[in-house]
Amino acid sequence: MWEPILATDWGSPSGSTLARIPDSRARQFWDPKHLVAQQLSRIAKEKAQAEPACCVNKGNHWDEAILYVPPAKWGEGPTPVFWSGPVVKVIPRLESTLRELP
C-alpha cells in the first residue's frame, strides 16, 4: 500500500517504484486518504495484536511490511503472519517468512 506521508509524496508511485517489489504474489495500491492505515490501526486494536512501534506518522501506519496468506479476506480483519518495519530493516525476516510458507 502506498500512501502520501512525506512532503515528496505528491501522487501515486511510478512504474519504476512499483517495480521494486517484483514478486507476482504482491499487490500494490495507492491510498491517498490513508483508508488502509486507519483500518490497520482498528484491526490491531480489536485483535490486541502487536503492531510495529516504529512506523506511525500522524496516526497513519507507514513503511511497514505486512503479509497475509490466502484465503485472508480484508473484511474479516485477517491476522497477518508478518507485520514489522521499517521495510528496509525487515526484508530478510520477511523473505524468510515467505520461504517458510507452503
C-alpha atoms as a PDB file:
ATOM      1  CA  MET A   1       0.000   0.000   0.000  1.00  0.00           C
ATOM      2  CA  TRP A   2       1.426   3.338  -0.975  1.00  0.00           C
ATOM      3  CA  GLU A   3       0.191   6.485   0.720  1.00  0.00           C
ATOM      4  CA  PRO A   4       1.263  10.125   0.917  1.00  0.00           C
ATOM      5  CA  ILE A   5       3.303  10.547   4.101  1.00  0.00           C
ATOM      6  CA  LEU A   6       6.389  12.524   3.149  1.00  0.00           C
ATOM      7  CA  ALA A   7       6.297  16.011   1.614  1.00  0.00           C
ATOM      8  CA  THR A   8       7.567  14.486  -1.657  1.00  0.00           C
ATOM      9  CA  ASP A   9       4.653  12.033  -1.935  1.00  0.00           C
ATOM     10  CA  TRP A  10       2.604  14.147  -4.365  1.00  0.00           C
ATOM     11  CA  GLY A  11       0.960  11.322  -6.251  1.00  0.00           C
ATOM     12  CA  SER A  12       0.776   7.610  -6.838  1.00  0.00           C
ATOM     13  CA  PRO A  13       4.079   5.755  -7.268  1.00  0.00           C
ATOM     14  CA  SER A  14       5.641   5.443 -10.694  1.00  0.00           C
ATOM     15  CA  GLY A  15       6.133   2.173 -12.531  1.00  0.00           C
ATOM     16  CA  SER A  16       9.802   2.092 -11.555  1.00  0.00           C
ATOM     17  CA  THR A  17       8.846   2.492  -7.891  1.00  0.00           C
ATOM     18  CA  LEU A  18       6.279  -0.306  -8.123  1.00  0.00           C
ATOM     19  CA  ALA A  19       8.920  -2.493  -9.800  1.00  0.00           C
ATOM     20  CA  ARG A  20      10.897  -2.539  -6.532  1.00  0.00           C
ATOM     21  CA  ILE A  21       8.529  -5.308  -5.415  1.00  0.00           C
ATOM     22  CA  PRO A  22       8.662  -7.783  -8.314  1.00  0.00           C
ATOM     23  CA  ASP A  23       7.008 -10.739  -6.553  1.00  0.00           C
ATOM     24  CA  SER A  24       3.898 -11.708  -8.537  1.00  0.00           C
ATOM     25  CA  ARG A  25       2.073 -12.541  -5.290  1.00  0.00           C
ATOM     26  CA  ALA A  26       2.296  -8.928  -4.126  1.00  0.00           C
ATOM     27  CA  ARG A  27      -0.480  -6.429  -4.792  1.00  0.00           C
ATOM     28  CA  GLN A  28       0.255  -2.707  -4.625  1.00  0.00           C
ATOM     29  CA  PHE A  29      -2.281   0.084  -4.317  1.00  0.00           C
ATOM     30  CA  TRP A  30      -2.288   3.886  -3.917  1.00  0.00           C
ATOM     31  CA  ASP A  31      -4.251   5.065  -0.870  1.00  0.00           C
ATOM     32  CA  PRO A  32      -4.253   8.891  -0.829  1.00  0.00           C
ATOM     33  CA  LYS A  33      -6.784   9.094   2.036  1.00  0.00           C
ATOM     34  CA  HIS A  34      -4.981   6.615   4.343  1.00  0.00           C
ATOM     35  CA  LEU A  35      -8.036   4.367   4.495  1.00  0.00           C
ATOM     36  CA  VAL A  36      -5.984   1.188   4.818  1.00  0.00           C
ATOM     37  CA  ALA A  37      -3.743   2.675   7.525  1.00  0.00           C
ATOM     38  CA  GLN A  38      -6.841   3.583   9.510  1.00  0.00           C
ATOM     39  CA  GLN A  39      -8.193   0.047   9.177  1.00  0.00           C
ATOM     40  CA  LEU A  40      -4.832  -1.431  10.211  1.00  0.00           C
ATOM     41  CA  SER A  41      -4.985   0.594  13.409  1.00  0.00           C
ATOM     42  CA  ARG A  42      -8.543  -0.592  14.047  1.00  0.00           C
ATOM     43  CA  ILE A  43      -7.682  -4.253  13.385  1.00  0.00           C
ATOM     44  CA  ALA A  44      -4.601  -4.124  15.609  1.00  0.00           C
ATOM     45  CA  LYS A  45      -6.653  -2.699  18.483  1.00  0.00           C
ATOM     46  CA  GLU A  46      -9.526  -5.169  18.042  1.00  0.00           C
ATOM     47  CA  LYS A  47      -7.260  -8.190  17.907  1.00  0.00           C
ATOM     48  CA  ALA A  48      -4.888  -6.855  20.577  1.00  0.00           C
ATOM     49  CA  GLN A  49      -2.023  -7.827  18.323  1.00  0.00           C
ATOM     50  CA  ALA A  50       1.398  -6.296  18.436  1.00  0.00           C
ATOM     51  CA  GLU A  51       1.993  -3.693  15.795  1.00  0.00           C
ATOM     52  CA  PRO A  52       5.310  -2.069  14.942  1.00  0.00           C
ATOM     53  CA  ALA A  53       6.025   0.904  17.172  1.00  0.00           C
ATOM     54  CA  CYS A  54       8.374   2.306  14.559  1.00  0.00           C
ATOM     55  CA  CYS A  55       6.053   3.237  11.801  1.00  0.00           C
ATOM     56  CA  VAL A  56       3.249   5.614  12.696  1.00  0.00           C
ATOM     57  CA  ASN A  57       3.175   9.186  11.424  1.00  0.00           C
ATOM     58  CA  LYS A  58       0.262  11.460  12.373  1.00  0.00           C
ATOM     59  CA  GLY A  59      -1.710   8.356  13.305  1.00  0.00           C
ATOM     60  CA  ASN A  60      -1.056   6.643   9.956  1.00  0.00           C
ATOM     61  CA  HIS A  61       0.828   3.372   9.638  1.00  0.00           C
ATOM     62  CA  TRP A  62       3.565   3.540   7.016  1.00  0.00           C
ATOM     63  CA  ASP A  63       6.842   1.925   5.949  1.00  0.00           C
ATOM     64  CA  GLU A  64       5.703  -1.484   7.158  1.00  0.00           C
ATOM     65  CA  ALA A  65       5.771  -4.903   5.561  1.00  0.00           C
ATOM     66  CA  ILE A  66       2.562  -6.802   6.250  1.00  0.00           C
ATOM     67  CA  LEU A  67       1.975 -10.292   4.924  1.00  0.00           C
ATOM     68  CA  TYR A  68      -1.379 -12.051   4.778  1.00  0.00           C
ATOM     69  CA  VAL A  69      -1.848 -15.540   3.408  1.00  0.00           C
ATOM     70  CA  PRO A  70      -4.739 -16.869   1.350  1.00  0.00           C
ATOM     71  CA  PRO A  71      -7.636 -17.075   1.939  1.00  0.00           C
ATOM     72  CA  ALA A  72      -7.387 -13.872   4.025  1.00  0.00           C
ATOM     73  CA  LYS A  73     -10.277 -11.504   3.358  1.00  0.00           C
ATOM     74  CA  TRP A  74      -9.917  -7.859   4.274  1.00  0.00           C
ATOM     75  CA  GLY A  75     -13.497  -7.545   5.534  1.00  0.00           C
ATOM     76  CA  GLU A  76     -12.818 -10.240   8.122  1.00  0.00           C
ATOM     77  CA  GLY A  77      -9.914  -8.322   9.664  1.00  0.00           C
ATOM     78  CA  PRO A  78      -7.347 -11.035   8.964  1.00  0.00           C
ATOM     79  CA  THR A  79      -4.366 -11.587  11.208  1.00  0.00           C
ATOM     80  CA  PRO A  80      -1.089 -11.126   9.328  1.00  0.00           C
ATOM     81  CA  VAL A  81       1.618 -13.778   9.503  1.00  0.00           C
ATOM     82  CA  PHE A  82       4.197 -10.980   9.380  1.00  0.00           C
ATOM     83  CA  TRP A  83       3.956  -7.317  10.388  1.00  0.00           C
ATOM     84  CA  SER A  84       7.061  -5.269  11.018  1.00  0.00           C
ATOM     85  CA  GLY A  85       9.040  -2.297   9.828  1.00  0.00           C
ATOM     86  CA  PRO A  86      10.617  -0.196   8.674  1.00  0.00           C
ATOM     87  CA  VAL A  87      10.709  -2.152   5.434  1.00  0.00           C
ATOM     88  CA  VAL A  88      14.402  -1.659   4.707  1.00  0.00           C
ATOM     89  CA  LYS A  89      15.292  -3.258   8.064  1.00  0.00           C
ATOM     90  CA  VAL A  90      12.911  -6.228   7.940  1.00  0.00           C
ATOM     91  CA  ILE A  91      13.408  -7.524   4.393  1.00  0.00           C
ATOM     92  CA  PRO A  92      15.494 -10.552   5.479  1.00  0.00           C
ATOM     93  CA  ARG A  93      12.853 -11.596   8.056  1.00  0.00           C
ATOM     94  CA  LEU A  94      10.050 -11.067   5.541  1.00  0.00           C
ATOM     95  CA  GLU A  95      11.875 -13.154   2.923  1.00  0.00           C
ATOM     96  CA  SER A  96      12.413 -15.898   5.490  1.00  0.00           C
ATOM     97  CA  THR A  97       8.700 -15.893   6.328  1.00  0.00           C
ATOM     98  CA  LEU A  98       7.813 -16.111   2.622  1.00  0.00           C
ATOM     99  CA  ARG A  99      10.150 -19.086   2.141  1.00  0.00           C
ATOM    100  CA  GLU A 100       8.534 -20.912   5.061  1.00  0.00           C
ATOM    101  CA  LEU A 101       5.010 -20.594   3.634  1.00  0.00           C
ATOM    102  CA  PRO A 102       3.543 -23.572   1.758  1.00  0.00           C
END
